[in-house]
Amino acid sequence: MTNYETLKIGILSDPTTSNWLKDAVAKLDKRDPCDVIADIEMLNFLSNVRLQDLGIGAGAKISLSAIQERIFPGTPLLGHST
């Protein structure tokens, strides 16, 4: 199983994953990965502008390693050699 498939299954089976994200992840295989990245970057930009407008500030950071640890506890970070 590839890293992508393993992560996808983990995200879809994680009860803390929002239904919105589960729906988006379930549709990934039908989209061009480059188009997905472009859309994600636009959503990130739009969300940061929304945060600024709310006075919260832009640049909220999400720890991908913390998310991975929650879904796959005790596993080495994907993309890093052990």
C-alpha atoms as a PDB file:
ATOM      1  CA  MET A   1       0.000   0.000   0.000  1.00  0.00           C
ATOM      2  CA  THR A   2       1.326   3.465  -0.874  1.00  0.00           C
ATOM      3  CA  ASN A   3       1.782   6.314   1.620  1.00  0.00           C
ATOM      4  CA  TYR A   4      -1.083   8.111  -0.143  1.00  0.00           C
ATOM      5  CA  GLU A   5      -3.465   5.176   0.243  1.00  0.00           C
ATOM      6  CA  THR A   6      -2.471   4.621   3.874  1.00  0.00           C
ATOM      7  CA  LEU A   7      -3.007   8.285   4.742  1.00  0.00           C
ATOM      8  CA  LYS A   8      -6.278   8.434   2.829  1.00  0.00           C
ATOM      9  CA  ILE A   9      -7.671   5.425   4.707  1.00  0.00           C
ATOM     10  CA  GLY A  10      -6.479   6.882   8.018  1.00  0.00           C
ATOM     11  CA  ILE A  11      -8.078  10.258   7.366  1.00  0.00           C
ATOM     12  CA  LEU A  12     -11.355   8.725   6.207  1.00  0.00           C
ATOM     13  CA  SER A  13     -11.543   6.410   9.231  1.00  0.00           C
ATOM     14  CA  ASP A  14     -10.554   9.022  11.828  1.00  0.00           C
ATOM     15  CA  PRO A  15     -13.683  10.033  13.773  1.00  0.00           C
ATOM     16  CA  THR A  16     -12.255  13.524  14.346  1.00  0.00           C
ATOM     17  CA  THR A  17     -12.031  14.240  10.610  1.00  0.00           C
ATOM     18  CA  SER A  18     -14.791  16.602   9.499  1.00  0.00           C
ATOM     19  CA  ASN A  19     -17.375  15.371   7.020  1.00  0.00           C
ATOM     20  CA  TRP A  20     -16.335  18.218   4.719  1.00  0.00           C
ATOM     21  CA  LEU A  21     -12.737  16.950   4.615  1.00  0.00           C
ATOM     22  CA  LYS A  22     -13.805  13.307   4.274  1.00  0.00           C
ATOM     23  CA  ASP A  23     -15.910  14.244   1.255  1.00  0.00           C
ATOM     24  CA  ALA A  24     -13.001  16.121  -0.332  1.00  0.00           C
ATOM     25  CA  VAL A  25     -10.532  13.276   0.332  1.00  0.00           C
ATOM     26  CA  ALA A  26     -12.954  10.719  -1.109  1.00  0.00           C
ATOM     27  CA  LYS A  27     -13.021  12.708  -4.379  1.00  0.00           C
ATOM     28  CA  LEU A  28      -9.236  13.204  -4.708  1.00  0.00           C
ATOM     29  CA  ASP A  29      -8.661  10.286  -7.077  1.00  0.00           C
ATOM     30  CA  LYS A  30     -10.999  11.849  -9.643  1.00  0.00           C
ATOM     31  CA  ARG A  31      -9.022  15.118  -9.813  1.00  0.00           C
ATOM     32  CA  ASP A  32      -5.684  16.137 -11.212  1.00  0.00           C
ATOM     33  CA  PRO A  33      -3.273  16.446  -8.249  1.00  0.00           C
ATOM     34  CA  CYS A  34      -1.908  19.765  -9.550  1.00  0.00           C
ATOM     35  CA  ASP A  35      -5.429  21.220  -9.724  1.00  0.00           C
ATOM     36  CA  VAL A  36      -6.076  20.006  -6.173  1.00  0.00           C
ATOM     37  CA  ILE A  37      -2.944  21.770  -4.900  1.00  0.00           C
ATOM     38  CA  ALA A  38      -3.951  25.005  -6.679  1.00  0.00           C
ATOM     39  CA  ASP A  39      -7.415  24.823  -5.079  1.00  0.00           C
ATOM     40  CA  ILE A  40      -5.940  24.100  -1.648  1.00  0.00           C
ATOM     41  CA  GLU A  41      -3.632  27.097  -1.939  1.00  0.00           C
ATOM     42  CA  MET A  42      -6.571  29.332  -2.895  1.00  0.00           C
ATOM     43  CA  LEU A  43      -8.614  28.029   0.076  1.00  0.00           C
ATOM     44  CA  ASN A  44      -5.639  28.654   2.361  1.00  0.00           C
ATOM     45  CA  PHE A  45      -5.275  32.218   1.049  1.00  0.00           C
ATOM     46  CA  LEU A  46      -9.005  32.904   1.380  1.00  0.00           C
ATOM     47  CA  SER A  47      -9.086  31.458   4.911  1.00  0.00           C
ATOM     48  CA  ASN A  48      -6.136  33.624   5.970  1.00  0.00           C
ATOM     49  CA  VAL A  49      -7.878  36.733   4.606  1.00  0.00           C
ATOM     50  CA  ARG A  50     -10.992  35.729   6.562  1.00  0.00           C
ATOM     51  CA  LEU A  51      -8.916  35.378   9.729  1.00  0.00           C
ATOM     52  CA  GLN A  52      -7.429  38.844   9.168  1.00  0.00           C
ATOM     53  CA  ASP A  53     -10.898  40.299   8.652  1.00  0.00           C
ATOM     54  CA  LEU A  54     -11.984  38.704  11.928  1.00  0.00           C
ATOM     55  CA  GLY A  55      -8.979  40.230  13.671  1.00  0.00           C
ATOM     56  CA  ILE A  56      -7.483  36.852  14.456  1.00  0.00           C
ATOM     57  CA  GLY A  57      -4.455  37.249  12.198  1.00  0.00           C
ATOM     58  CA  ALA A  58      -3.190  35.307   9.237  1.00  0.00           C
ATOM     59  CA  GLY A  59      -0.760  32.463   9.127  1.00  0.00           C
ATOM     60  CA  ALA A  60      -2.409  29.997  11.476  1.00  0.00           C
ATOM     61  CA  LYS A  61      -0.136  26.976  11.447  1.00  0.00           C
ATOM     62  CA  ILE A  62      -1.287  23.397  11.339  1.00  0.00           C
ATOM     63  CA  SER A  63       1.161  20.809  12.547  1.00  0.00           C
ATOM     64  CA  LEU A  64       1.052  18.038   9.975  1.00  0.00           C
ATOM     65  CA  SER A  65       3.250  15.886  12.193  1.00  0.00           C
ATOM     66  CA  ALA A  66       0.708  16.258  15.028  1.00  0.00           C
ATOM     67  CA  ILE A  67      -2.085  15.202  12.686  1.00  0.00           C
ATOM     68  CA  GLN A  68      -0.073  12.203  11.509  1.00  0.00           C
ATOM     69  CA  GLU A  69       0.694  11.231  15.106  1.00  0.00           C
ATOM     70  CA  ARG A  70      -3.024  11.376  15.966  1.00  0.00           C
ATOM     71  CA  ILE A  71      -4.008   9.181  13.021  1.00  0.00           C
ATOM     72  CA  PHE A  72      -0.943   6.880  13.016  1.00  0.00           C
ATOM     73  CA  PRO A  73       0.540   6.967  16.533  1.00  0.00           C
ATOM     74  CA  GLY A  74       4.138   5.820  16.851  1.00  0.00           C
ATOM     75  CA  THR A  75       4.885   5.700  13.119  1.00  0.00           C
ATOM     76  CA  PRO A  76       7.829   7.526  11.550  1.00  0.00           C
ATOM     77  CA  LEU A  77       6.988  10.766   9.747  1.00  0.00           C
ATOM     78  CA  LEU A  78       6.032  10.099   6.163  1.00  0.00           C
ATOM     79  CA  GLY A  79       8.593  11.353   3.706  1.00  0.00           C
ATOM     80  CA  HIS A  80      11.393  11.084   6.278  1.00  0.00           C
ATOM     81  CA  SER A  81      13.823   8.204   6.483  1.00  0.00           C
ATOM     82  CA  THR A  82      14.217   6.476   9.822  1.00  0.00           C
END
